[in-house]
Amino acid sequence: MNLAQESHPSREVPLLAALYPTSSICVAVLLLLLLAGCANTVQNDQPCVSPSVAKTRHSERPNVPISSIVPGAIELEYRSSHLEEISNSLPSPSATTRGGRLPLSEISLEGTLCLGECPVYTVTLRPDGTASYFGQSYAPRAGKHEGRFSPEAFAYLADLADELGILELDDHYSAAVKDGPTVYLLLVRNGQRKLIKDYMSGPSRLSAFEHEIERIVEIAISWR
């Protein structure tokens, strides 16, 4: 697989645009999926459900007892920083280097428990093409793993974060529903950290970015 071609922005960003259905279709699909207890959709400029909710049920995924599941590192950092009212906002992406912006040095995604079979995991991607993964209940892989992937795939995600304006999003999105999973997103630039807590209600561009991270994790990284 040519990862440079697989993850080139000129090919992937139009693909992302195709993920945005019309409002009526999106609402209909969302209602059907919610009746099934889990939803995954992207809706034009409206809150939508995180892609982690709609992971299919696979018997080979480990079902770790709830009592043994520990909060992920990103969730703990979010709790600590917001409890102490510390601002984690990144500087405006007008600073220097890559395309007039400082480059990202880390992209991390974390999924949490829900009432159903939602994958609980933490994954971290770095610009040198290294990755770390810790999977718990219903995650595609259990335990700690290290991986390698093309640095161009990281550059693609970093550019996509800027194109979608992820760094300008709010730190917290919450839906008035119970027992769903929360997705935490962490971006690091110039030593400063942008943390976003997405409880089933982030804007479509946030869910699209989360989906792209998950796609890179599953198809572009060689895990061991």
C-alpha atoms as a PDB file:
ATOM      1  CA  MET A   1       0.000   0.000   0.000  1.00  0.00           C
ATOM      2  CA  ASN A   2       1.308   3.445  -0.892  1.00  0.00           C
ATOM      3  CA  LEU A   3       0.377   5.346   2.251  1.00  0.00           C
ATOM      4  CA  ALA A   4       1.459   8.630   0.770  1.00  0.00           C
ATOM      5  CA  GLN A   5      -1.127   8.206  -1.975  1.00  0.00           C
ATOM      6  CA  GLU A   6      -3.681   6.692   0.380  1.00  0.00           C
ATOM      7  CA  SER A   7      -3.683   9.678   2.670  1.00  0.00           C
ATOM      8  CA  HIS A   8      -3.031  12.601   0.288  1.00  0.00           C
ATOM      9  CA  PRO A   9      -5.325  15.536   1.113  1.00  0.00           C
ATOM     10  CA  SER A  10      -6.272  16.115  -2.523  1.00  0.00           C
ATOM     11  CA  ARG A  11      -7.922  12.701  -2.608  1.00  0.00           C
ATOM     12  CA  GLU A  12      -9.264  12.457   0.926  1.00  0.00           C
ATOM     13  CA  VAL A  13     -10.909  15.824   1.418  1.00  0.00           C
ATOM     14  CA  PRO A  14     -13.367  15.315  -1.497  1.00  0.00           C
ATOM     15  CA  LEU A  15     -14.102  11.902  -0.007  1.00  0.00           C
ATOM     16  CA  LEU A  16     -14.959  13.594   3.269  1.00  0.00           C
ATOM     17  CA  ALA A  17     -17.339  15.912   1.479  1.00  0.00           C
ATOM     18  CA  ALA A  18     -19.182  12.871   0.210  1.00  0.00           C
ATOM     19  CA  LEU A  19     -19.817  11.831   3.804  1.00  0.00           C
ATOM     20  CA  TYR A  20     -22.224  14.742   4.305  1.00  0.00           C
ATOM     21  CA  PRO A  21     -25.757  13.538   3.435  1.00  0.00           C
ATOM     22  CA  THR A  22     -28.762  15.782   3.031  1.00  0.00           C
ATOM     23  CA  SER A  23     -30.540  16.795   6.226  1.00  0.00           C
ATOM     24  CA  SER A  24     -33.632  14.653   5.654  1.00  0.00           C
ATOM     25  CA  ILE A  25     -31.672  11.483   4.951  1.00  0.00           C
ATOM     26  CA  CYS A  26     -29.380  12.156   7.911  1.00  0.00           C
ATOM     27  CA  VAL A  27     -32.288  12.595  10.311  1.00  0.00           C
ATOM     28  CA  ALA A  28     -33.984   9.422   9.089  1.00  0.00           C
ATOM     29  CA  VAL A  29     -30.812   7.355   9.406  1.00  0.00           C
ATOM     30  CA  LEU A  30     -30.024   8.858  12.815  1.00  0.00           C
ATOM     31  CA  LEU A  31     -33.478   7.955  14.154  1.00  0.00           C
ATOM     32  CA  LEU A  32     -33.164   4.372  12.927  1.00  0.00           C
ATOM     33  CA  LEU A  33     -29.724   3.984  14.485  1.00  0.00           C
ATOM     34  CA  LEU A  34     -30.804   5.516  17.778  1.00  0.00           C
ATOM     35  CA  LEU A  35     -33.616   2.965  17.977  1.00  0.00           C
ATOM     36  CA  ALA A  36     -30.951   0.297  17.709  1.00  0.00           C
ATOM     37  CA  GLY A  37     -29.117   1.912  20.642  1.00  0.00           C
ATOM     38  CA  CYS A  38     -26.146   3.236  18.714  1.00  0.00           C
ATOM     39  CA  ALA A  39     -25.682   5.903  16.040  1.00  0.00           C
ATOM     40  CA  ASN A  40     -23.015   7.130  13.659  1.00  0.00           C
ATOM     41  CA  THR A  41     -23.835   9.866  11.190  1.00  0.00           C
ATOM     42  CA  VAL A  42     -22.515  13.151   9.873  1.00  0.00           C
ATOM     43  CA  GLN A  43     -25.038  15.960   9.339  1.00  0.00           C
ATOM     44  CA  ASN A  44     -24.577  19.284   7.582  1.00  0.00           C
ATOM     45  CA  ASP A  45     -23.406  21.854  10.160  1.00  0.00           C
ATOM     46  CA  GLN A  46     -25.469  20.224  12.917  1.00  0.00           C
ATOM     47  CA  PRO A  47     -24.471  18.212  16.004  1.00  0.00           C
ATOM     48  CA  CYS A  48     -23.970  14.556  15.222  1.00  0.00           C
ATOM     49  CA  VAL A  49     -22.991  11.328  16.908  1.00  0.00           C
ATOM     50  CA  SER A  50     -19.361  10.282  17.260  1.00  0.00           C
ATOM     51  CA  PRO A  51     -18.182   7.535  14.889  1.00  0.00           C
ATOM     52  CA  SER A  52     -17.116   5.449  17.893  1.00  0.00           C
ATOM     53  CA  VAL A  53     -20.769   4.811  18.746  1.00  0.00           C
ATOM     54  CA  ALA A  54     -21.489   2.755  15.661  1.00  0.00           C
ATOM     55  CA  LYS A  55     -18.680   0.228  15.858  1.00  0.00           C
ATOM     56  CA  THR A  56     -20.048  -3.098  14.724  1.00  0.00           C
ATOM     57  CA  ARG A  57     -20.283  -5.949  17.182  1.00  0.00           C
ATOM     58  CA  HIS A  58     -17.478  -8.438  16.730  1.00  0.00           C
ATOM     59  CA  SER A  59     -17.243 -11.455  18.991  1.00  0.00           C
ATOM     60  CA  GLU A  60     -13.449 -11.375  18.861  1.00  0.00           C
ATOM     61  CA  ARG A  61     -13.315  -8.005  20.585  1.00  0.00           C
ATOM     62  CA  PRO A  62     -12.499  -8.380  24.286  1.00  0.00           C
ATOM     63  CA  ASN A  63     -15.336  -7.646  26.693  1.00  0.00           C
ATOM     64  CA  VAL A  64     -13.384  -6.381  29.682  1.00  0.00           C
ATOM     65  CA  PRO A  65     -15.366  -6.233  32.958  1.00  0.00           C
ATOM     66  CA  ILE A  66     -16.471  -2.681  33.696  1.00  0.00           C
ATOM     67  CA  SER A  67     -14.830  -2.794  37.120  1.00  0.00           C
ATOM     68  CA  SER A  68     -11.410  -3.280  35.499  1.00  0.00           C
ATOM     69  CA  ILE A  69     -11.688  -0.446  32.967  1.00  0.00           C
ATOM     70  CA  VAL A  70      -9.632   2.611  33.866  1.00  0.00           C
ATOM     71  CA  PRO A  71     -10.121   6.169  32.576  1.00  0.00           C
ATOM     72  CA  GLY A  72      -7.833   6.995  29.683  1.00  0.00           C
ATOM     73  CA  ALA A  73      -4.979   9.472  29.914  1.00  0.00           C
ATOM     74  CA  ILE A  74      -6.763  12.067  27.778  1.00  0.00           C
ATOM     75  CA  GLU A  75      -9.948  11.890  29.852  1.00  0.00           C
ATOM     76  CA  LEU A  76      -7.919  12.325  33.056  1.00  0.00           C
ATOM     77  CA  GLU A  77      -6.079  15.301  31.589  1.00  0.00           C
ATOM     78  CA  TYR A  78      -9.360  16.902  30.505  1.00  0.00           C
ATOM     79  CA  ARG A  79     -10.857  16.436  33.968  1.00  0.00           C
ATOM     80  CA  SER A  80      -7.800  17.922  35.650  1.00  0.00           C
ATOM     81  CA  SER A  81      -7.402  20.913  33.353  1.00  0.00           C
ATOM     82  CA  HIS A  82     -11.052  21.923  33.444  1.00  0.00           C
ATOM     83  CA  LEU A  83     -11.388  21.339  37.162  1.00  0.00           C
ATOM     84  CA  GLU A  84      -8.575  23.803  37.709  1.00  0.00           C
ATOM     85  CA  GLU A  85      -9.976  26.128  35.018  1.00  0.00           C
ATOM     86  CA  ILE A  86      -6.757  26.042  33.060  1.00  0.00           C
ATOM     87  CA  SER A  87      -7.093  27.202  29.449  1.00  0.00           C
ATOM     88  CA  ASN A  88      -5.823  24.671  26.924  1.00  0.00           C
ATOM     89  CA  SER A  89      -6.564  26.803  23.860  1.00  0.00           C
ATOM     90  CA  LEU A  90      -3.896  26.746  21.207  1.00  0.00           C
ATOM     91  CA  PRO A  91      -2.521  29.899  19.603  1.00  0.00           C
ATOM     92  CA  SER A  92      -4.096  31.063  16.387  1.00  0.00           C
ATOM     93  CA  PRO A  93      -2.843  28.947  13.466  1.00  0.00           C
ATOM     94  CA  SER A  94      -1.171  31.980  11.950  1.00  0.00           C
ATOM     95  CA  ALA A  95       2.201  31.409  13.569  1.00  0.00           C
ATOM     96  CA  THR A  96       4.970  29.846  11.355  1.00  0.00           C
ATOM     97  CA  THR A  97       6.421  26.943   9.360  1.00  0.00           C
ATOM     98  CA  ARG A  98       4.001  24.468   7.716  1.00  0.00           C
ATOM     99  CA  GLY A  99       1.703  26.547   5.528  1.00  0.00           C
ATOM    100  CA  GLY A 100       2.234  29.537   7.809  1.00  0.00           C
ATOM    101  CA  ARG A 101       1.378  27.462  10.911  1.00  0.00           C
ATOM    102  CA  LEU A 102       3.355  25.680  13.571  1.00  0.00           C
ATOM    103  CA  PRO A 103       3.123  21.922  12.952  1.00  0.00           C
ATOM    104  CA  LEU A 104       1.153  19.612  15.193  1.00  0.00           C
ATOM    105  CA  SER A 105       3.333  17.318  17.291  1.00  0.00           C
ATOM    106  CA  GLU A 106       0.605  14.924  18.477  1.00  0.00           C
ATOM    107  CA  ILE A 107      -2.902  13.788  17.594  1.00  0.00           C
ATOM    108  CA  SER A 108      -4.713  11.578  20.101  1.00  0.00           C
ATOM    109  CA  LEU A 109      -8.199  10.111  20.222  1.00  0.00           C
ATOM    110  CA  GLU A 110      -9.916   8.323  23.093  1.00  0.00           C
ATOM    111  CA  GLY A 111     -13.216   6.451  23.282  1.00  0.00           C
ATOM    112  CA  THR A 112     -15.047   5.685  26.539  1.00  0.00           C
ATOM    113  CA  LEU A 113     -17.677   3.343  27.917  1.00  0.00           C
ATOM    114  CA  CYS A 114     -21.334   3.396  26.940  1.00  0.00           C
ATOM    115  CA  LEU A 115     -24.362   1.282  27.814  1.00  0.00           C
ATOM    116  CA  GLY A 116     -23.736  -0.898  24.758  1.00  0.00           C
ATOM    117  CA  GLU A 117     -20.612  -2.312  23.146  1.00  0.00           C
ATOM    118  CA  CYS A 118     -18.616   0.847  22.492  1.00  0.00           C
ATOM    119  CA  PRO A 119     -14.847   0.457  22.063  1.00  0.00           C
ATOM    120  CA  VAL A 120     -12.771   1.823  24.946  1.00  0.00           C
ATOM    121  CA  TYR A 121      -9.318   2.832  23.735  1.00  0.00           C
ATOM    122  CA  THR A 122      -6.660   5.538  23.557  1.00  0.00           C
ATOM    123  CA  VAL A 123      -4.556   6.069  20.429  1.00  0.00           C
ATOM    124  CA  THR A 124      -1.748   8.586  19.887  1.00  0.00           C
ATOM    125  CA  LEU A 125      -0.208   9.490  16.513  1.00  0.00           C
ATOM    126  CA  ARG A 126       3.062  11.391  16.047  1.00  0.00           C
ATOM    127  CA  PRO A 127       4.600  13.193  13.048  1.00  0.00           C
ATOM    128  CA  ASP A 128       7.563  10.785  12.860  1.00  0.00           C
ATOM    129  CA  GLY A 129       5.161   7.958  11.966  1.00  0.00           C
ATOM    130  CA  THR A 130       5.047   6.280  15.374  1.00  0.00           C
ATOM    131  CA  ALA A 131       1.815   5.433  17.168  1.00  0.00           C
ATOM    132  CA  SER A 132       0.716   4.080  20.547  1.00  0.00           C
ATOM    133  CA  TYR A 133      -2.510   2.250  21.331  1.00  0.00           C
ATOM    134  CA  PHE A 134      -4.158   1.027  24.510  1.00  0.00           C
ATOM    135  CA  GLY A 135      -7.339  -0.984  24.051  1.00  0.00           C
ATOM    136  CA  GLN A 136      -9.817  -2.091  26.690  1.00  0.00           C
ATOM    137  CA  SER A 137     -13.429  -3.267  26.412  1.00  0.00           C
ATOM    138  CA  TYR A 138     -14.675  -3.909  22.839  1.00  0.00           C
ATOM    139  CA  ALA A 139     -11.606  -2.306  21.286  1.00  0.00           C
ATOM    140  CA  PRO A 140     -10.350  -3.767  17.977  1.00  0.00           C
ATOM    141  CA  ARG A 141      -7.141  -4.768  19.779  1.00  0.00           C
ATOM    142  CA  ALA A 142      -6.622  -5.374  23.495  1.00  0.00           C
ATOM    143  CA  GLY A 143      -3.781  -4.107  25.639  1.00  0.00           C
ATOM    144  CA  LYS A 144      -0.829  -1.908  24.713  1.00  0.00           C
ATOM    145  CA  HIS A 145       0.492  -1.758  21.156  1.00  0.00           C
ATOM    146  CA  GLU A 146       3.079   0.266  19.250  1.00  0.00           C
ATOM    147  CA  GLY A 147       2.765   0.968  15.544  1.00  0.00           C
ATOM    148  CA  ARG A 148       4.414   2.515  12.488  1.00  0.00           C
ATOM    149  CA  PHE A 149       2.823   4.420   9.621  1.00  0.00           C
ATOM    150  CA  SER A 150       3.702   6.922   6.917  1.00  0.00           C
ATOM    151  CA  PRO A 151       4.556  10.401   8.250  1.00  0.00           C
ATOM    152  CA  GLU A 152       2.581  11.723   5.268  1.00  0.00           C
ATOM    153  CA  ALA A 153      -0.565  10.263   6.824  1.00  0.00           C
ATOM    154  CA  PHE A 154       0.071  12.367   9.934  1.00  0.00           C
ATOM    155  CA  ALA A 155       0.709  15.436   7.766  1.00  0.00           C
ATOM    156  CA  TYR A 156      -2.607  14.782   6.044  1.00  0.00           C
ATOM    157  CA  LEU A 157      -4.465  14.691   9.382  1.00  0.00           C
ATOM    158  CA  ALA A 158      -2.655  17.822  10.583  1.00  0.00           C
ATOM    159  CA  ASP A 159      -3.616  19.709   7.419  1.00  0.00           C
ATOM    160  CA  LEU A 160      -7.166  18.405   7.698  1.00  0.00           C
ATOM    161  CA  ALA A 161      -7.419  19.684  11.276  1.00  0.00           C
ATOM    162  CA  ASP A 162      -6.558  23.166  10.041  1.00  0.00           C
ATOM    163  CA  GLU A 163      -8.847  22.976   6.999  1.00  0.00           C
ATOM    164  CA  LEU A 164     -11.792  21.916   9.163  1.00  0.00           C
ATOM    165  CA  GLY A 165     -11.002  24.491  11.842  1.00  0.00           C
ATOM    166  CA  ILE A 166     -10.756  21.884  14.609  1.00  0.00           C
ATOM    167  CA  LEU A 167      -8.551  24.130  16.739  1.00  0.00           C
ATOM    168  CA  GLU A 168     -11.219  26.832  16.807  1.00  0.00           C
ATOM    169  CA  LEU A 169     -13.930  24.511  18.144  1.00  0.00           C
ATOM    170  CA  ASP A 170     -15.276  24.643  21.681  1.00  0.00           C
ATOM    171  CA  ASP A 171     -13.713  22.461  24.362  1.00  0.00           C
ATOM    172  CA  HIS A 172     -16.949  20.676  25.273  1.00  0.00           C
ATOM    173  CA  TYR A 173     -20.014  19.341  23.434  1.00  0.00           C
ATOM    174  CA  SER A 174     -22.759  17.507  25.307  1.00  0.00           C
ATOM    175  CA  ALA A 175     -26.071  15.945  24.274  1.00  0.00           C
ATOM    176  CA  ALA A 176     -29.124  15.602  26.525  1.00  0.00           C
ATOM    177  CA  VAL A 177     -29.028  11.806  26.401  1.00  0.00           C
ATOM    178  CA  LYS A 178     -27.731   9.147  28.765  1.00  0.00           C
ATOM    179  CA  ASP A 179     -25.439   6.131  28.537  1.00  0.00           C
ATOM    180  CA  GLY A 180     -23.602   7.156  25.368  1.00  0.00           C
ATOM    181  CA  PRO A 181     -19.835   7.174  24.836  1.00  0.00           C
ATOM    182  CA  THR A 182     -17.647  10.235  25.087  1.00  0.00           C
ATOM    183  CA  VAL A 183     -14.850  10.868  22.598  1.00  0.00           C
ATOM    184  CA  TYR A 184     -11.848  12.934  23.674  1.00  0.00           C
ATOM    185  CA  LEU A 185      -9.641  14.579  21.058  1.00  0.00           C
ATOM    186  CA  LEU A 186      -6.204  16.009  21.855  1.00  0.00           C
ATOM    187  CA  LEU A 187      -4.088  18.119  19.501  1.00  0.00           C
ATOM    188  CA  VAL A 188      -0.640  19.390  20.544  1.00  0.00           C
ATOM    189  CA  ARG A 189       1.040  22.337  18.839  1.00  0.00           C
ATOM    190  CA  ASN A 190       4.125  24.198  20.031  1.00  0.00           C
ATOM    191  CA  GLY A 191       3.834  22.562  23.464  1.00  0.00           C
ATOM    192  CA  GLN A 192       0.258  23.730  23.968  1.00  0.00           C
ATOM    193  CA  ARG A 193      -2.642  21.315  24.132  1.00  0.00           C
ATOM    194  CA  LYS A 194      -6.146  21.583  22.686  1.00  0.00           C
ATOM    195  CA  LEU A 195      -8.570  19.164  24.361  1.00  0.00           C
ATOM    196  CA  ILE A 196     -12.105  18.574  23.122  1.00  0.00           C
ATOM    197  CA  LYS A 197     -14.724  16.501  24.941  1.00  0.00           C
ATOM    198  CA  ASP A 198     -17.382  15.282  22.506  1.00  0.00           C
ATOM    199  CA  TYR A 199     -20.408  13.612  24.079  1.00  0.00           C
ATOM    200  CA  MET A 200     -22.501  12.638  21.048  1.00  0.00           C
ATOM    201  CA  SER A 201     -23.113  16.226  19.943  1.00  0.00           C
ATOM    202  CA  GLY A 202     -20.045  17.715  18.287  1.00  0.00           C
ATOM    203  CA  PRO A 203     -20.395  19.514  14.944  1.00  0.00           C
ATOM    204  CA  SER A 204     -20.135  17.493  11.757  1.00  0.00           C
ATOM    205  CA  ARG A 205     -16.581  18.624  11.037  1.00  0.00           C
ATOM    206  CA  LEU A 206     -15.434  17.282  14.416  1.00  0.00           C
ATOM    207  CA  SER A 207     -17.052  13.898  13.801  1.00  0.00           C
ATOM    208  CA  ALA A 208     -15.562  13.803  10.297  1.00  0.00           C
ATOM    209  CA  PHE A 209     -12.097  14.423  11.740  1.00  0.00           C
ATOM    210  CA  GLU A 210     -12.592  11.751  14.429  1.00  0.00           C
ATOM    211  CA  HIS A 211     -13.673   9.336  11.694  1.00  0.00           C
ATOM    212  CA  GLU A 212     -10.536  10.049   9.642  1.00  0.00           C
ATOM    213  CA  ILE A 213      -8.300   9.375  12.650  1.00  0.00           C
ATOM    214  CA  GLU A 214     -10.073   6.058  13.226  1.00  0.00           C
ATOM    215  CA  ARG A 215      -9.712   5.191   9.529  1.00  0.00           C
ATOM    216  CA  ILE A 216      -5.952   5.867   9.568  1.00  0.00           C
ATOM    217  CA  VAL A 217      -5.611   3.827  12.780  1.00  0.00           C
ATOM    218  CA  GLU A 218      -7.327   0.809  11.217  1.00  0.00           C
ATOM    219  CA  ILE A 219      -5.963   0.776   7.654  1.00  0.00           C
ATOM    220  CA  ALA A 220      -2.645   2.659   7.602  1.00  0.00           C
ATOM    221  CA  ILE A 221      -0.801   1.565  10.749  1.00  0.00           C
ATOM    222  CA  SER A 222       1.180  -1.621  11.229  1.00  0.00           C
ATOM    223  CA  TRP A 223       0.595  -2.623  14.877  1.00  0.00           C
ATOM    224  CA  ARG A 224       2.668  -4.943  17.029  1.00  0.00           C
END
